[in-house]
Amino acid sequence: MRALGAALFAIVTLTTPAAAQGSSCPNPEGGACLGPLTPGTYATSSFVLPITYTVPEGWDNEEDTPGNFLLLPPGQTLEGVNAGTSNYLGIYRGVHAAARDCTEAPEPAVATTAEALAEELAERPGLIAGGPEPVSVGGLEGYRLDVRMDPAWTTACPFSRTCPSCRSSSVTASRRSSTTSRSATS
């Protein structure tokens, strides 16, 4: 589950982008990502909605594709994002609720609106959720939830490596895109 963490360090601004440190994306699936960033202001080049962002020392841009944008704070890795152990800020287009039957498909009865996605997470078996509460992120209206696994829940999908969940998350769903980051805990 991807989620918006308590602290958001990237600041959206309307200035010109700084030059990137490298000339190519280190992530083979990262599109036009910039990789490690020096402190400064940058802009996406591929993401369907233009994003301008400012980062301090140590941040890393690992995805800039038409549907995904990914920033990693200092000390976090792409491998950790994929394993569910790194914090990150991700913005995604075309978000769907996962199928409850563990097939790798969208849940057919859930619309793709922020409200429908938030309500699905709040009511999903195996989750304990606070909210949804209305929120505005970067001028986009959406809903915020605090989500964690029910400690009594033991069902796992095959792709979860037999662990229903090893972390707690906060989730923000917005109307035009989902803005998320993960705060993983042991």
Protein backbone atom coordinates (compact mmCIF):
# COMPACT_ATOMS: atom_id res chain seq x y z
CA MET A 1 0.00 0.00 0.00
CA ARG A 2 1.45 3.40 -0.84
CA ALA A 3 0.88 6.21 1.60
CA LEU A 4 1.49 9.91 2.42
CA GLY A 5 3.82 10.15 5.39
CA ALA A 6 3.60 12.70 8.18
CA ALA A 7 6.45 14.87 6.90
CA LEU A 8 6.60 16.12 3.32
CA PHE A 9 10.04 17.53 2.51
CA ALA A 10 9.59 18.32 -1.18
CA ILE A 11 8.21 21.83 -1.67
CA VAL A 12 6.24 22.56 -4.83
CA THR A 13 7.42 25.85 -6.36
CA LEU A 14 7.17 27.77 -9.62
CA THR A 15 10.85 28.35 -10.41
CA THR A 16 13.16 27.05 -13.11
CA PRO A 17 14.74 23.61 -12.64
CA ALA A 18 18.35 23.23 -11.53
CA ALA A 19 20.73 21.08 -13.53
CA ALA A 20 20.80 17.39 -12.64
CA GLN A 21 23.97 15.73 -11.37
CA GLY A 22 23.88 12.87 -13.87
CA SER A 23 22.87 12.59 -17.49
CA SER A 24 20.89 9.34 -17.28
CA CYS A 25 18.41 7.65 -15.00
CA PRO A 26 20.00 4.92 -12.84
CA ASN A 27 16.68 3.02 -12.66
CA PRO A 28 16.11 1.01 -15.89
CA GLU A 29 12.34 1.46 -15.39
CA GLY A 30 12.57 5.09 -14.23
CA GLY A 31 12.02 6.81 -17.57
CA ALA A 32 13.44 10.34 -17.52
CA CYS A 33 14.38 10.27 -13.82
CA LEU A 34 17.35 12.36 -12.68
CA GLY A 35 18.86 10.02 -10.06
CA PRO A 36 20.73 11.64 -7.13
CA LEU A 37 19.89 15.34 -6.82
CA THR A 38 21.85 18.29 -5.52
CA PRO A 39 19.84 20.77 -3.42
CA GLY A 40 17.68 22.81 -5.76
CA THR A 41 14.52 23.06 -7.79
CA TYR A 42 13.62 20.62 -10.56
CA ALA A 43 10.73 19.84 -12.92
CA THR A 44 9.41 16.57 -14.27
CA SER A 45 9.86 15.99 -17.98
CA SER A 46 7.64 12.95 -18.61
CA PHE A 47 4.95 12.83 -15.89
CA VAL A 48 1.55 13.64 -17.41
CA LEU A 49 0.93 16.52 -14.95
CA PRO A 50 3.86 18.97 -14.74
CA ILE A 51 5.48 18.97 -11.29
CA THR A 52 8.10 21.43 -10.06
CA TYR A 53 9.73 20.49 -6.76
CA THR A 54 12.50 21.69 -4.45
CA VAL A 55 14.67 19.28 -2.47
CA PRO A 56 17.39 19.67 0.16
CA GLU A 57 20.65 17.66 0.28
CA GLY A 58 20.53 13.90 -0.27
CA TRP A 59 17.31 13.38 -2.25
CA ASP A 60 17.05 11.04 -5.23
CA ASN A 61 14.57 11.04 -8.18
CA GLU A 62 14.09 7.40 -9.30
CA GLU A 63 11.00 7.65 -11.55
CA ASP A 64 9.71 10.23 -14.02
CA THR A 65 7.38 8.39 -16.41
CA PRO A 66 4.00 9.46 -17.82
CA GLY A 67 2.23 7.71 -14.90
CA ASN A 68 4.75 7.61 -12.02
CA PHE A 69 6.96 10.09 -10.18
CA LEU A 70 9.18 8.93 -7.30
CA LEU A 71 11.43 10.82 -4.87
CA LEU A 72 13.54 9.16 -2.17
CA PRO A 73 14.68 11.05 0.94
CA PRO A 74 18.26 10.72 2.20
CA GLY A 75 19.31 7.19 3.14
CA GLN A 76 16.44 5.46 1.28
CA THR A 77 16.79 3.17 -1.74
CA LEU A 78 14.74 2.02 -4.71
CA GLU A 79 15.34 -1.56 -3.56
CA GLY A 80 13.81 -0.57 -0.20
CA VAL A 81 10.78 0.96 -1.93
CA ASN A 82 10.22 -2.27 -3.85
CA ALA A 83 10.70 -4.35 -0.66
CA GLY A 84 8.44 -2.07 1.40
CA THR A 85 11.24 -0.93 3.75
CA SER A 86 12.08 2.59 2.46
CA ASN A 87 10.29 5.90 2.89
CA TYR A 88 9.39 7.67 -0.33
CA LEU A 89 7.24 10.31 -1.98
CA GLY A 90 5.36 8.93 -4.98
CA ILE A 91 2.79 10.48 -7.28
CA TYR A 92 0.79 8.10 -9.49
CA ARG A 93 -1.85 8.36 -12.24
CA GLY A 94 -4.43 5.68 -12.96
CA VAL A 95 -4.62 4.30 -9.41
CA HIS A 96 -7.07 1.45 -8.76
CA ALA A 97 -8.05 -0.51 -5.65
CA ALA A 98 -6.37 -3.93 -5.68
CA ALA A 99 -8.64 -6.93 -6.11
CA ARG A 100 -9.73 -8.44 -2.81
CA ASP A 101 -9.25 -11.96 -4.22
CA CYS A 102 -5.47 -11.39 -4.70
CA THR A 103 -5.61 -11.46 -8.49
CA GLU A 104 -3.33 -8.79 -9.90
CA ALA A 105 -6.23 -6.76 -11.24
CA PRO A 106 -8.36 -3.82 -10.07
CA GLU A 107 -11.26 -4.50 -7.71
CA PRO A 108 -14.16 -4.31 -10.22
CA ALA A 109 -16.74 -2.81 -7.85
CA VAL A 110 -14.60 0.17 -6.79
CA ALA A 111 -14.53 3.39 -8.82
CA THR A 112 -11.25 5.27 -9.33
CA THR A 113 -12.33 8.49 -7.62
CA ALA A 114 -10.44 9.63 -4.53
CA GLU A 115 -13.59 9.21 -2.46
CA ALA A 116 -14.24 5.65 -3.67
CA LEU A 117 -10.62 4.60 -3.11
CA ALA A 118 -10.58 6.12 0.39
CA GLU A 119 -13.87 4.44 1.31
CA GLU A 120 -12.61 1.09 -0.02
CA LEU A 121 -9.49 1.27 2.16
CA ALA A 122 -11.53 2.36 5.20
CA GLU A 123 -13.86 -0.63 4.79
CA ARG A 124 -11.41 -3.29 3.52
CA PRO A 125 -11.26 -6.49 5.62
CA GLY A 126 -7.91 -6.89 7.37
CA LEU A 127 -7.29 -3.14 7.68
CA ILE A 128 -7.94 -0.78 10.56
CA ALA A 129 -8.46 2.72 9.20
CA GLY A 130 -9.10 6.12 10.72
CA GLY A 131 -10.86 8.46 8.34
CA PRO A 132 -11.31 9.27 5.54
CA GLU A 133 -10.92 12.97 6.23
CA PRO A 134 -10.97 15.69 3.53
CA VAL A 135 -7.50 17.11 2.73
CA SER A 136 -5.80 19.37 0.19
CA VAL A 137 -2.32 18.46 -1.13
CA GLY A 138 -0.66 20.81 -3.59
CA GLY A 139 -4.03 22.33 -4.50
CA LEU A 140 -5.65 18.92 -5.14
CA GLU A 141 -8.60 17.96 -2.99
CA GLY A 142 -8.72 14.44 -1.62
CA TYR A 143 -9.02 12.28 1.49
CA ARG A 144 -6.57 11.22 4.20
CA LEU A 145 -6.65 7.93 6.09
CA ASP A 146 -4.47 6.38 8.76
CA VAL A 147 -4.23 2.70 7.78
CA ARG A 148 -2.67 -0.29 9.47
CA MET A 149 -3.14 -4.03 9.30
CA ASP A 150 -5.46 -5.62 11.81
CA PRO A 151 -3.07 -7.67 14.01
CA ALA A 152 -5.56 -10.56 13.90
CA TRP A 153 -5.52 -10.65 10.08
CA THR A 154 -3.58 -13.66 8.78
CA THR A 155 -4.61 -13.90 5.12
CA ALA A 156 -1.80 -13.10 2.68
CA CYS A 157 -1.74 -12.75 -1.10
CA PRO A 158 0.94 -14.79 -2.91
CA PHE A 159 2.91 -11.67 -3.85
CA SER A 160 3.17 -10.47 -0.21
CA ARG A 161 5.86 -13.04 0.62
CA THR A 162 3.49 -14.66 3.19
CA CYS A 163 3.47 -11.52 5.33
CA PRO A 164 0.04 -9.82 5.29
CA SER A 165 1.78 -6.63 6.37
CA CYS A 166 4.92 -5.65 8.16
CA ARG A 167 4.24 -1.91 8.35
CA SER A 168 1.74 0.87 9.08
CA SER A 169 0.88 3.64 6.63
CA SER A 170 -1.04 6.86 6.10
CA VAL A 171 -2.81 7.27 2.78
CA THR A 172 -3.86 10.34 0.82
CA ALA A 173 -5.97 9.98 -2.32
CA SER A 174 -6.48 13.05 -4.48
CA ARG A 175 -9.00 13.67 -7.25
CA ARG A 176 -6.53 14.10 -10.15
CA SER A 177 -3.69 11.86 -9.00
CA SER A 178 -2.65 9.92 -5.94
CA THR A 179 0.14 11.54 -3.97
CA THR A 180 1.81 9.08 -1.70
CA SER A 181 4.83 8.24 0.36
CA ARG A 182 5.53 5.33 2.66
CA SER A 183 6.69 5.36 6.22
CA ALA A 184 7.73 1.80 6.96
CA THR A 185 8.24 0.56 10.49
CA SER A 186 9.58 -2.71 11.81
